[in-house]
Amino acid sequence: MAAFHQGLRAAGWEEGRNLRIDTRWTDGRDAELRKHAAELVALDPEVILAWATPTVFALQRVSRTVPIVFSGVIDPAGFGLVASLARPGGNARALSRSSTRWRRNGWNC
């Protein structure tokens, strides 16, 4: 999380000035994942950053329109989270250390 915040600051994003971050942590129980996913989507975010396959599944059950940038998923196409890595479609995109950059006018993966 510290590196994530540092990268945001380097890109000109500062929490409390031009950025709001709402964080949820879970022990992986499905009911808790569903609850947190619904809470986050209800906040009407511009984008959600997610970690791990169960989290992305929970978020996609709640919304197919809020952009979800995720990491920690070994085979997103194989699990059906995206159509393919080259053309993910839908609202989910995989985050890669080597190819990710954040832009002021949106997000790009």
PDB file of N, CA and C in Angstrom:
ATOM      1  N   MET A   1       0.820  -1.194   0.000  1.00  0.00           N
ATOM      2  CA  MET A   1       0.000   0.000   0.000  1.00  0.00           C
ATOM      3  C   MET A   1       0.866   1.261   0.000  1.00  0.00           C
ATOM      4  N   ALA A   2       1.995   1.209   0.716  1.00  0.00           N
ATOM      5  CA  ALA A   2       2.866   2.384   0.760  1.00  0.00           C
ATOM      6  C   ALA A   2       3.398   2.715  -0.636  1.00  0.00           C
ATOM      7  N   ALA A   3       3.794   1.695  -1.381  1.00  0.00           N
ATOM      8  CA  ALA A   3       4.289   1.920  -2.745  1.00  0.00           C
ATOM      9  C   ALA A   3       3.173   2.447  -3.648  1.00  0.00           C
ATOM     10  N   PHE A   4       1.963   1.937  -3.466  1.00  0.00           N
ATOM     11  CA  PHE A   4       0.818   2.415  -4.234  1.00  0.00           C
ATOM     12  C   PHE A   4       0.587   3.899  -3.978  1.00  0.00           C
ATOM     13  N   HIS A   5       0.574   4.299  -2.711  1.00  0.00           N
ATOM     14  CA  HIS A   5       0.388   5.709  -2.354  1.00  0.00           C
ATOM     15  C   HIS A   5       1.534   6.569  -2.883  1.00  0.00           C
ATOM     16  N   GLN A   6       2.745   6.046  -2.816  1.00  0.00           N
ATOM     17  CA  GLN A   6       3.904   6.785  -3.322  1.00  0.00           C
ATOM     18  C   GLN A   6       3.774   7.004  -4.829  1.00  0.00           C
ATOM     19  N   GLY A   7       3.363   5.970  -5.554  1.00  0.00           N
ATOM     20  CA  GLY A   7       3.171   6.099  -7.001  1.00  0.00           C
ATOM     21  C   GLY A   7       2.086   7.098  -7.351  1.00  0.00           C
ATOM     22  N   LEU A   8       1.015   7.106  -6.574  1.00  0.00           N
ATOM     23  CA  LEU A   8      -0.044   8.083  -6.811  1.00  0.00           C
ATOM     24  C   LEU A   8       0.468   9.507  -6.609  1.00  0.00           C
ATOM     25  N   ARG A   9       1.216   9.709  -5.517  1.00  0.00           N
ATOM     26  CA  ARG A   9       1.778  11.047  -5.253  1.00  0.00           C
ATOM     27  C   ARG A   9       2.699  11.476  -6.384  1.00  0.00           C
ATOM     28  N   ALA A  10       3.517  10.560  -6.874  1.00  0.00           N
ATOM     29  CA  ALA A  10       4.440  10.876  -7.965  1.00  0.00           C
ATOM     30  C   ALA A  10       3.687  11.266  -9.236  1.00  0.00           C
ATOM     31  N   ALA A  11       2.472  10.749  -9.393  1.00  0.00           N
ATOM     32  CA  ALA A  11       1.653  11.065 -10.568  1.00  0.00           C
ATOM     33  C   ALA A  11       0.776  12.301 -10.342  1.00  0.00           C
ATOM     34  N   GLY A  12       0.912  12.938  -9.181  1.00  0.00           N
ATOM     35  CA  GLY A  12       0.166  14.157  -8.909  1.00  0.00           C
ATOM     36  C   GLY A  12      -1.138  13.959  -8.163  1.00  0.00           C
ATOM     37  N   TRP A  13      -1.393  12.746  -7.690  1.00  0.00           N
ATOM     38  CA  TRP A  13      -2.616  12.468  -6.935  1.00  0.00           C
ATOM     39  C   TRP A  13      -2.318  12.525  -5.447  1.00  0.00           C
ATOM     40  N   GLU A  14      -3.119  13.266  -4.716  1.00  0.00           N
ATOM     41  CA  GLU A  14      -2.897  13.412  -3.285  1.00  0.00           C
ATOM     42  C   GLU A  14      -4.222  13.227  -2.545  1.00  0.00           C
ATOM     43  N   GLU A  15      -4.221  12.259  -1.647  1.00  0.00           N
ATOM     44  CA  GLU A  15      -5.434  11.972  -0.887  1.00  0.00           C
ATOM     45  C   GLU A  15      -5.853  13.206  -0.093  1.00  0.00           C
ATOM     46  N   GLY A  16      -7.137  13.541  -0.173  1.00  0.00           N
ATOM     47  CA  GLY A  16      -7.664  14.711   0.498  1.00  0.00           C
ATOM     48  C   GLY A  16      -7.635  15.967  -0.361  1.00  0.00           C
ATOM     49  N   ARG A  17      -6.850  15.954  -1.439  1.00  0.00           N
ATOM     50  CA  ARG A  17      -6.791  17.113  -2.339  1.00  0.00           C
ATOM     51  C   ARG A  17      -7.537  16.807  -3.637  1.00  0.00           C
ATOM     52  N   ASN A  18      -7.110  15.782  -4.355  1.00  0.00           N
ATOM     53  CA  ASN A  18      -7.760  15.421  -5.615  1.00  0.00           C
ATOM     54  C   ASN A  18      -8.021  13.916  -5.715  1.00  0.00           C
ATOM     55  N   LEU A  19      -8.015  13.252  -4.570  1.00  0.00           N
ATOM     56  CA  LEU A  19      -8.162  11.806  -4.539  1.00  0.00           C
ATOM     57  C   LEU A  19      -8.819  11.376  -3.231  1.00  0.00           C
ATOM     58  N   ARG A  20      -9.701  10.418  -3.335  1.00  0.00           N
ATOM     59  CA  ARG A  20     -10.294   9.801  -2.145  1.00  0.00           C
ATOM     60  C   ARG A  20     -10.067   8.300  -2.253  1.00  0.00           C
ATOM     61  N   ILE A  21      -9.584   7.707  -1.175  1.00  0.00           N
ATOM     62  CA  ILE A  21      -9.352   6.263  -1.142  1.00  0.00           C
ATOM     63  C   ILE A  21     -10.179   5.666  -0.017  1.00  0.00           C
ATOM     64  N   ASP A  22     -11.010   4.699  -0.358  1.00  0.00           N
ATOM     65  CA  ASP A  22     -11.788   3.945   0.624  1.00  0.00           C
ATOM     66  C   ASP A  22     -11.272   2.514   0.579  1.00  0.00           C
ATOM     67  N   THR A  23     -10.811   2.010   1.694  1.00  0.00           N
ATOM     68  CA  THR A  23     -10.179   0.698   1.759  1.00  0.00           C
ATOM     69  C   THR A  23     -11.041  -0.280   2.530  1.00  0.00           C
ATOM     70  N   ARG A  24     -11.096  -1.496   2.045  1.00  0.00           N
ATOM     71  CA  ARG A  24     -11.768  -2.585   2.745  1.00  0.00           C
ATOM     72  C   ARG A  24     -10.805  -3.773   2.783  1.00  0.00           C
ATOM     73  N   TRP A  25     -10.727  -4.429   3.921  1.00  0.00           N
ATOM     74  CA  TRP A  25      -9.921  -5.642   4.075  1.00  0.00           C
ATOM     75  C   TRP A  25     -10.848  -6.763   4.517  1.00  0.00           C
ATOM     76  N   THR A  26     -10.565  -7.965   4.103  1.00  0.00           N
ATOM     77  CA  THR A  26     -11.399  -9.104   4.454  1.00  0.00           C
ATOM     78  C   THR A  26     -10.536 -10.337   4.677  1.00  0.00           C
ATOM     79  N   ASP A  27     -11.092 -11.294   5.387  1.00  0.00           N
ATOM     80  CA  ASP A  27     -10.371 -12.550   5.579  1.00  0.00           C
ATOM     81  C   ASP A  27     -10.712 -13.558   4.487  1.00  0.00           C
ATOM     82  N   GLY A  28     -11.458 -13.120   3.474  1.00  0.00           N
ATOM     83  CA  GLY A  28     -11.753 -13.977   2.332  1.00  0.00           C
ATOM     84  C   GLY A  28     -13.091 -14.687   2.378  1.00  0.00           C
ATOM     85  N   ARG A  29     -13.862 -14.503   3.460  1.00  0.00           N
ATOM     86  CA  ARG A  29     -15.182 -15.131   3.519  1.00  0.00           C
ATOM     87  C   ARG A  29     -16.082 -14.510   2.461  1.00  0.00           C
ATOM     88  N   ASP A  30     -16.832 -15.357   1.745  1.00  0.00           N
ATOM     89  CA  ASP A  30     -17.647 -14.895   0.638  1.00  0.00           C
ATOM     90  C   ASP A  30     -18.665 -13.840   1.066  1.00  0.00           C
ATOM     91  N   ALA A  31     -19.331 -14.032   2.180  1.00  0.00           N
ATOM     92  CA  ALA A  31     -20.333 -13.067   2.636  1.00  0.00           C
ATOM     93  C   ALA A  31     -19.692 -11.708   2.911  1.00  0.00           C
ATOM     94  N   GLU A  32     -18.511 -11.717   3.482  1.00  0.00           N
ATOM     95  CA  GLU A  32     -17.806 -10.470   3.768  1.00  0.00           C
ATOM     96  C   GLU A  32     -17.349  -9.801   2.469  1.00  0.00           C
ATOM     97  N   LEU A  33     -16.868 -10.596   1.518  1.00  0.00           N
ATOM     98  CA  LEU A  33     -16.467 -10.049   0.224  1.00  0.00           C
ATOM     99  C   LEU A  33     -17.655  -9.382  -0.468  1.00  0.00           C
ATOM    100  N   ARG A  34     -18.808 -10.044  -0.466  1.00  0.00           N
ATOM    101  CA  ARG A  34     -20.012  -9.484  -1.098  1.00  0.00           C
ATOM    102  C   ARG A  34     -20.427  -8.181  -0.427  1.00  0.00           C
ATOM    103  N   LYS A  35     -20.373  -8.158   0.903  1.00  0.00           N
ATOM    104  CA  LYS A  35     -20.747  -6.954   1.659  1.00  0.00           C
ATOM    105  C   LYS A  35     -19.834  -5.784   1.301  1.00  0.00           C
ATOM    106  N   HIS A  36     -18.533  -6.012   1.326  1.00  0.00           N
ATOM    107  CA  HIS A  36     -17.574  -4.952   1.017  1.00  0.00           C
ATOM    108  C   HIS A  36     -17.690  -4.503  -0.437  1.00  0.00           C
ATOM    109  N   ALA A  37     -17.905  -5.441  -1.346  1.00  0.00           N
ATOM    110  CA  ALA A  37     -18.065  -5.087  -2.758  1.00  0.00           C
ATOM    111  C   ALA A  37     -19.259  -4.165  -2.942  1.00  0.00           C
ATOM    112  N   ALA A  38     -20.369  -4.499  -2.311  1.00  0.00           N
ATOM    113  CA  ALA A  38     -21.573  -3.660  -2.405  1.00  0.00           C
ATOM    114  C   ALA A  38     -21.324  -2.280  -1.808  1.00  0.00           C
ATOM    115  N   GLU A  39     -20.633  -2.222  -0.677  1.00  0.00           N
ATOM    116  CA  GLU A  39     -20.325  -0.932  -0.044  1.00  0.00           C
ATOM    117  C   GLU A  39     -19.484  -0.056  -0.969  1.00  0.00           C
ATOM    118  N   LEU A  40     -18.451  -0.649  -1.552  1.00  0.00           N
ATOM    119  CA  LEU A  40     -17.564   0.129  -2.421  1.00  0.00           C
ATOM    120  C   LEU A  40     -18.281   0.619  -3.669  1.00  0.00           C
ATOM    121  N   VAL A  41     -19.047  -0.227  -4.317  1.00  0.00           N
ATOM    122  CA  VAL A  41     -19.761   0.175  -5.521  1.00  0.00           C
ATOM    123  C   VAL A  41     -20.788   1.259  -5.195  1.00  0.00           C
ATOM    124  N   ALA A  42     -21.418   1.187  -4.026  1.00  0.00           N
ATOM    125  CA  ALA A  42     -22.400   2.197  -3.611  1.00  0.00           C
ATOM    126  C   ALA A  42     -21.765   3.579  -3.441  1.00  0.00           C
ATOM    127  N   LEU A  43     -20.459   3.640  -3.239  1.00  0.00           N
ATOM    128  CA  LEU A  43     -19.762   4.921  -3.109  1.00  0.00           C
ATOM    129  C   LEU A  43     -19.578   5.622  -4.454  1.00  0.00           C
ATOM    130  N   ASP A  44     -19.958   4.951  -5.554  1.00  0.00           N
ATOM    131  CA  ASP A  44     -19.868   5.484  -6.914  1.00  0.00           C
ATOM    132  C   ASP A  44     -18.440   5.893  -7.286  1.00  0.00           C
ATOM    133  N   PRO A  45     -17.484   4.962  -7.156  1.00  0.00           N
ATOM    134  CA  PRO A  45     -16.091   5.296  -7.455  1.00  0.00           C
ATOM    135  C   PRO A  45     -15.842   5.396  -8.960  1.00  0.00           C
ATOM    136  N   GLU A  46     -14.770   6.085  -9.309  1.00  0.00           N
ATOM    137  CA  GLU A  46     -14.349   6.140 -10.704  1.00  0.00           C
ATOM    138  C   GLU A  46     -13.608   4.871 -11.096  1.00  0.00           C
ATOM    139  N   VAL A  47     -12.965   4.240 -10.122  1.00  0.00           N
ATOM    140  CA  VAL A  47     -12.231   2.995 -10.360  1.00  0.00           C
ATOM    141  C   VAL A  47     -12.053   2.274  -9.025  1.00  0.00           C
ATOM    142  N   ILE A  48     -11.978   0.949  -9.086  1.00  0.00           N
ATOM    143  CA  ILE A  48     -11.703   0.141  -7.893  1.00  0.00           C
ATOM    144  C   ILE A  48     -10.436  -0.660  -8.160  1.00  0.00           C
ATOM    145  N   LEU A  49      -9.516  -0.631  -7.221  1.00  0.00           N
ATOM    146  CA  LEU A  49      -8.313  -1.451  -7.271  1.00  0.00           C
ATOM    147  C   LEU A  49      -8.567  -2.668  -6.396  1.00  0.00           C
ATOM    148  N   ALA A  50      -8.426  -3.851  -6.971  1.00  0.00           N
ATOM    149  CA  ALA A  50      -8.747  -5.084  -6.244  1.00  0.00           C
ATOM    150  C   ALA A  50      -7.574  -6.047  -6.279  1.00  0.00           C
ATOM    151  N   TRP A  51      -7.543  -6.924  -5.276  1.00  0.00           N
ATOM    152  CA  TRP A  51      -6.493  -7.930  -5.163  1.00  0.00           C
ATOM    153  C   TRP A  51      -7.144  -9.294  -5.043  1.00  0.00           C
ATOM    154  N   ALA A  52      -6.755 -10.228  -5.862  1.00  0.00           N
ATOM    155  CA  ALA A  52      -7.109 -11.648  -5.783  1.00  0.00           C
ATOM    156  C   ALA A  52      -8.443 -11.977  -6.461  1.00  0.00           C
ATOM    157  N   THR A  53      -8.502 -13.184  -6.948  1.00  0.00           N
ATOM    158  CA  THR A  53      -9.632 -13.679  -7.730  1.00  0.00           C
ATOM    159  C   THR A  53     -10.977 -13.548  -7.016  1.00  0.00           C
ATOM    160  N   PRO A  54     -11.127 -14.001  -5.761  1.00  0.00           N
ATOM    161  CA  PRO A  54     -12.443 -13.902  -5.113  1.00  0.00           C
ATOM    162  C   PRO A  54     -12.950 -12.469  -4.993  1.00  0.00           C
ATOM    163  N   THR A  55     -12.053 -11.526  -4.794  1.00  0.00           N
ATOM    164  CA  THR A  55     -12.443 -10.126  -4.675  1.00  0.00           C
ATOM    165  C   THR A  55     -12.997  -9.611  -5.998  1.00  0.00           C
ATOM    166  N   VAL A  56     -12.325  -9.935  -7.089  1.00  0.00           N
ATOM    167  CA  VAL A  56     -12.790  -9.480  -8.402  1.00  0.00           C
ATOM    168  C   VAL A  56     -14.139 -10.110  -8.732  1.00  0.00           C
ATOM    169  N   PHE A  57     -14.310 -11.397  -8.436  1.00  0.00           N
ATOM    170  CA  PHE A  57     -15.609 -12.042  -8.641  1.00  0.00           C
ATOM    171  C   PHE A  57     -16.712 -11.318  -7.865  1.00  0.00           C
ATOM    172  N   ALA A  58     -16.451 -10.999  -6.603  1.00  0.00           N
ATOM    173  CA  ALA A  58     -17.449 -10.323  -5.773  1.00  0.00           C
ATOM    174  C   ALA A  58     -17.800  -8.950  -6.358  1.00  0.00           C
ATOM    175  N   LEU A  59     -16.797  -8.219  -6.802  1.00  0.00           N
ATOM    176  CA  LEU A  59     -17.049  -6.902  -7.389  1.00  0.00           C
ATOM    177  C   LEU A  59     -17.838  -7.005  -8.692  1.00  0.00           C
ATOM    178  N   GLN A  60     -17.503  -7.984  -9.527  1.00  0.00           N
ATOM    179  CA  GLN A  60     -18.224  -8.133 -10.792  1.00  0.00           C
ATOM    180  C   GLN A  60     -19.667  -8.583 -10.582  1.00  0.00           C
ATOM    181  N   ARG A  61     -19.952  -9.274  -9.498  1.00  0.00           N
ATOM    182  CA  ARG A  61     -21.341  -9.644  -9.203  1.00  0.00           C
ATOM    183  C   ARG A  61     -22.173  -8.407  -8.871  1.00  0.00           C
ATOM    184  N   VAL A  62     -21.520  -7.381  -8.327  1.00  0.00           N
ATOM    185  CA  VAL A  62     -22.225  -6.165  -7.919  1.00  0.00           C
ATOM    186  C   VAL A  62     -22.305  -5.155  -9.063  1.00  0.00           C
ATOM    187  N   SER A  63     -21.267  -5.063  -9.885  1.00  0.00           N
ATOM    188  CA  SER A  63     -21.246  -4.062 -10.953  1.00  0.00           C
ATOM    189  C   SER A  63     -20.476  -4.560 -12.170  1.00  0.00           C
ATOM    190  N   ARG A  64     -21.041  -4.308 -13.318  1.00  0.00           N
ATOM    191  CA  ARG A  64     -20.359  -4.579 -14.589  1.00  0.00           C
ATOM    192  C   ARG A  64     -19.975  -3.283 -15.280  1.00  0.00           C
ATOM    193  N   THR A  65     -20.105  -2.148 -14.552  1.00  0.00           N
ATOM    194  CA  THR A  65     -19.785  -0.859 -15.159  1.00  0.00           C
ATOM    195  C   THR A  65     -18.632  -0.130 -14.471  1.00  0.00           C
ATOM    196  N   VAL A  66     -18.487  -0.252 -13.159  1.00  0.00           N
ATOM    197  CA  VAL A  66     -17.382   0.413 -12.464  1.00  0.00           C
ATOM    198  C   VAL A  66     -16.074  -0.266 -12.878  1.00  0.00           C
ATOM    199  N   PRO A  67     -15.102   0.501 -13.377  1.00  0.00           N
ATOM    200  CA  PRO A  67     -13.824  -0.106 -13.769  1.00  0.00           C
ATOM    201  C   PRO A  67     -13.123  -0.754 -12.566  1.00  0.00           C
ATOM    202  N   ILE A  68     -12.648  -1.975 -12.771  1.00  0.00           N
ATOM    203  CA  ILE A  68     -11.927  -2.720 -11.737  1.00  0.00           C
ATOM    204  C   ILE A  68     -10.525  -3.004 -12.269  1.00  0.00           C
ATOM    205  N   VAL A  69      -9.526  -2.490 -11.592  1.00  0.00           N
ATOM    206  CA  VAL A  69      -8.134  -2.783 -11.911  1.00  0.00           C
ATOM    207  C   VAL A  69      -7.674  -3.775 -10.860  1.00  0.00           C
ATOM    208  N   PHE A  70      -7.166  -4.919 -11.302  1.00  0.00           N
ATOM    209  CA  PHE A  70      -6.836  -5.943 -10.321  1.00  0.00           C
ATOM    210  C   PHE A  70      -5.448  -6.506 -10.515  1.00  0.00           C
ATOM    211  N   SER A  71      -4.964  -7.112  -9.439  1.00  0.00           N
ATOM    212  CA  SER A  71      -3.684  -7.805  -9.425  1.00  0.00           C
ATOM    213  C   SER A  71      -3.857  -9.044  -8.551  1.00  0.00           C
ATOM    214  N   GLY A  72      -2.878  -9.905  -8.561  1.00  0.00           N
ATOM    215  CA  GLY A  72      -2.932 -11.090  -7.719  1.00  0.00           C
ATOM    216  C   GLY A  72      -3.844 -12.179  -8.256  1.00  0.00           C
ATOM    217  N   VAL A  73      -4.138 -12.150  -9.547  1.00  0.00           N
ATOM    218  CA  VAL A  73      -4.958 -13.174 -10.195  1.00  0.00           C
ATOM    219  C   VAL A  73      -4.068 -13.891 -11.198  1.00  0.00           C
ATOM    220  N   ILE A  74      -3.892 -15.187 -11.026  1.00  0.00           N
ATOM    221  CA  ILE A  74      -2.957 -15.940 -11.849  1.00  0.00           C
ATOM    222  C   ILE A  74      -3.435 -16.106 -13.294  1.00  0.00           C
ATOM    223  N   ASP A  75      -4.704 -16.425 -13.510  1.00  0.00           N
ATOM    224  CA  ASP A  75      -5.214 -16.685 -14.858  1.00  0.00           C
ATOM    225  C   ASP A  75      -6.572 -16.007 -15.043  1.00  0.00           C
ATOM    226  N   PRO A  76      -6.581 -14.680 -15.228  1.00  0.00           N
ATOM    227  CA  PRO A  76      -7.858 -13.969 -15.303  1.00  0.00           C
ATOM    228  C   PRO A  76      -8.753 -14.438 -16.448  1.00  0.00           C
ATOM    229  N   ALA A  77      -8.180 -14.759 -17.599  1.00  0.00           N
ATOM    230  CA  ALA A  77      -8.992 -15.254 -18.721  1.00  0.00           C
ATOM    231  C   ALA A  77      -9.508 -16.655 -18.418  1.00  0.00           C
ATOM    232  N   GLY A  78      -8.676 -17.485 -17.846  1.00  0.00           N
ATOM    233  CA  GLY A  78      -9.078 -18.843 -17.497  1.00  0.00           C
ATOM    234  C   GLY A  78     -10.194 -18.879 -16.467  1.00  0.00           C
ATOM    235  N   PHE A  79     -10.199 -17.919 -15.547  1.00  0.00           N
ATOM    236  CA  PHE A  79     -11.250 -17.837 -14.529  1.00  0.00           C
ATOM    237  C   PHE A  79     -12.492 -17.109 -15.042  1.00  0.00           C
ATOM    238  N   GLY A  80     -12.407 -16.529 -16.231  1.00  0.00           N
ATOM    239  CA  GLY A  80     -13.555 -15.831 -16.795  1.00  0.00           C
ATOM    240  C   GLY A  80     -13.726 -14.403 -16.314  1.00  0.00           C
ATOM    241  N   LEU A  81     -12.691 -13.840 -15.701  1.00  0.00           N
ATOM    242  CA  LEU A  81     -12.766 -12.453 -15.245  1.00  0.00           C
ATOM    243  C   LEU A  81     -12.645 -11.480 -16.408  1.00  0.00           C
ATOM    244  N   VAL A  82     -11.919 -11.880 -17.438  1.00  0.00           N
ATOM    245  CA  VAL A  82     -11.768 -11.102 -18.663  1.00  0.00           C
ATOM    246  C   VAL A  82     -11.915 -12.047 -19.844  1.00  0.00           C
ATOM    247  N   ALA A  83     -12.284 -11.500 -21.004  1.00  0.00           N
ATOM    248  CA  ALA A  83     -12.429 -12.334 -22.203  1.00  0.00           C
ATOM    249  C   ALA A  83     -11.075 -12.884 -22.642  1.00  0.00           C
ATOM    250  N   SER A  84     -10.064 -12.029 -22.650  1.00  0.00           N
ATOM    251  CA  SER A  84      -8.692 -12.433 -22.970  1.00  0.00           C
ATOM    252  C   SER A  84      -7.764 -11.361 -22.432  1.00  0.00           C
ATOM    253  N   LEU A  85      -6.494 -11.651 -22.340  1.00  0.00           N
ATOM    254  CA  LEU A  85      -5.548 -10.641 -21.857  1.00  0.00           C
ATOM    255  C   LEU A  85      -5.368  -9.533 -22.879  1.00  0.00           C
ATOM    256  N   ALA A  86      -5.400  -9.862 -24.164  1.00  0.00           N
ATOM    257  CA  ALA A  86      -5.227  -8.863 -25.212  1.00  0.00           C
ATOM    258  C   ALA A  86      -6.454  -7.967 -25.363  1.00  0.00           C
ATOM    259  N   ARG A  87      -7.627  -8.544 -25.194  1.00  0.00           N
ATOM    260  CA  ARG A  87      -8.894  -7.809 -25.327  1.00  0.00           C
ATOM    261  C   ARG A  87      -9.805  -8.206 -24.171  1.00  0.00           C
ATOM    262  N   PRO A  88      -9.574  -7.590 -22.999  1.00  0.00           N
ATOM    263  CA  PRO A  88     -10.298  -8.024 -21.809  1.00  0.00           C
ATOM    264  C   PRO A  88     -11.805  -7.805 -21.870  1.00  0.00           C
ATOM    265  N   GLY A  89     -12.262  -6.743 -22.554  1.00  0.00           N
ATOM    266  CA  GLY A  89     -13.692  -6.444 -22.580  1.00  0.00           C
ATOM    267  C   GLY A  89     -14.191  -6.152 -21.176  1.00  0.00           C
ATOM    268  N   GLY A  90     -15.463  -5.936 -21.011  1.00  0.00           N
ATOM    269  CA  GLY A  90     -16.038  -5.737 -19.682  1.00  0.00           C
ATOM    270  C   GLY A  90     -15.402  -4.601 -18.908  1.00  0.00           C
ATOM    271  N   ASN A  91     -15.500  -4.688 -17.597  1.00  0.00           N
ATOM    272  CA  ASN A  91     -15.026  -3.603 -16.732  1.00  0.00           C
ATOM    273  C   ASN A  91     -13.773  -3.943 -15.933  1.00  0.00           C
ATOM    274  N   ALA A  92     -13.164  -5.099 -16.181  1.00  0.00           N
ATOM    275  CA  ALA A  92     -11.984  -5.507 -15.411  1.00  0.00           C
ATOM    276  C   ALA A  92     -10.728  -5.496 -16.268  1.00  0.00           C
ATOM    277  N   ARG A  93      -9.633  -5.048 -15.665  1.00  0.00           N
ATOM    278  CA  ARG A  93      -8.324  -4.999 -16.329  1.00  0.00           C
ATOM    279  C   ARG A  93      -7.260  -5.459 -15.351  1.00  0.00           C
ATOM    280  N   ALA A  94      -6.327  -6.254 -15.841  1.00  0.00           N
ATOM    281  CA  ALA A  94      -5.233  -6.727 -14.995  1.00  0.00           C
ATOM    282  C   ALA A  94      -4.165  -5.647 -14.861  1.00  0.00           C
ATOM    283  N   LEU A  95      -3.606  -5.559 -13.672  1.00  0.00           N
ATOM    284  CA  LEU A  95      -2.549  -4.614 -13.363  1.00  0.00           C
ATOM    285  C   LEU A  95      -1.221  -5.336 -13.485  1.00  0.00           C
ATOM    286  N   SER A  96      -0.308  -4.770 -14.255  1.00  0.00           N
ATOM    287  CA  SER A  96       1.000  -5.375 -14.456  1.00  0.00           C
ATOM    288  C   SER A  96       2.077  -4.395 -14.030  1.00  0.00           C
ATOM    289  N   ARG A  97       3.042  -4.859 -13.322  1.00  0.00           N
ATOM    290  CA  ARG A  97       4.136  -3.976 -12.882  1.00  0.00           C
ATOM    291  C   ARG A  97       4.861  -3.344 -14.054  1.00  0.00           C
ATOM    292  N   SER A  98       4.985  -4.079 -15.154  1.00  0.00           N
ATOM    293  CA  SER A  98       5.795  -3.579 -16.265  1.00  0.00           C
ATOM    294  C   SER A  98       5.021  -2.712 -17.243  1.00  0.00           C
ATOM    295  N   SER A  99       3.678  -2.794 -17.246  1.00  0.00           N
ATOM    296  CA  SER A  99       2.942  -2.082 -18.284  1.00  0.00           C
ATOM    297  C   SER A  99       1.908  -1.101 -17.764  1.00  0.00           C
ATOM    298  N   THR A 100       1.910  -0.827 -16.487  1.00  0.00           N
ATOM    299  CA  THR A 100       0.861   0.019 -15.938  1.00  0.00           C
ATOM    300  C   THR A 100       1.327   1.458 -15.800  1.00  0.00           C
ATOM    301  N   ARG A 101       0.445   2.348 -16.149  1.00  0.00           N
ATOM    302  CA  ARG A 101       0.685   3.758 -15.872  1.00  0.00           C
ATOM    303  C   ARG A 101      -0.658   4.400 -15.567  1.00  0.00           C
ATOM    304  N   TRP A 102      -0.638   5.312 -14.629  1.00  0.00           N
ATOM    305  CA  TRP A 102      -1.856   6.026 -14.245  1.00  0.00           C
ATOM    306  C   TRP A 102      -1.821   7.382 -14.924  1.00  0.00           C
ATOM    307  N   ARG A 103      -2.972   7.824 -15.386  1.00  0.00           N
ATOM    308  CA  ARG A 103      -3.063   9.117 -16.049  1.00  0.00           C
ATOM    309  C   ARG A 103      -4.104   9.970 -15.332  1.00  0.00           C
ATOM    310  N   ARG A 104      -3.955  11.269 -15.431  1.00  0.00           N
ATOM    311  CA  ARG A 104      -4.929  12.172 -14.829  1.00  0.00           C
ATOM    312  C   ARG A 104      -6.298  12.044 -15.476  1.00  0.00           C
ATOM    313  N   ASN A 105      -6.372  11.768 -16.754  1.00  0.00           N
ATOM    314  CA  ASN A 105      -7.642  11.742 -17.469  1.00  0.00           C
ATOM    315  C   ASN A 105      -8.272  10.364 -17.496  1.00  0.00           C
ATOM    316  N   GLY A 106      -7.872   9.493 -16.637  1.00  0.00           N
ATOM    317  CA  GLY A 106      -8.436   8.160 -16.601  1.00  0.00           C
ATOM    318  C   GLY A 106      -7.399   7.165 -16.166  1.00  0.00           C
ATOM    319  N   TRP A 107      -7.687   5.909 -16.371  1.00  0.00           N
ATOM    320  CA  TRP A 107      -6.745   4.874 -16.005  1.00  0.00           C
ATOM    321  C   TRP A 107      -6.444   4.053 -17.231  1.00  0.00           C
ATOM    322  N   ASN A 108      -5.262   3.518 -17.235  1.00  0.00           N
ATOM    323  CA  ASN A 108      -4.783   2.816 -18.414  1.00  0.00           C
ATOM    324  C   ASN A 108      -3.942   1.633 -17.969  1.00  0.00           C
ATOM    325  N   CYS A 109      -4.277   0.465 -18.443  1.00  0.00           N
ATOM    326  CA  CYS A 109      -3.504  -0.721 -18.083  1.00  0.00           C
ATOM    327  C   CYS A 109      -3.085  -1.470 -19.329  1.00  0.00           C
TER     328      CYS A 109
END
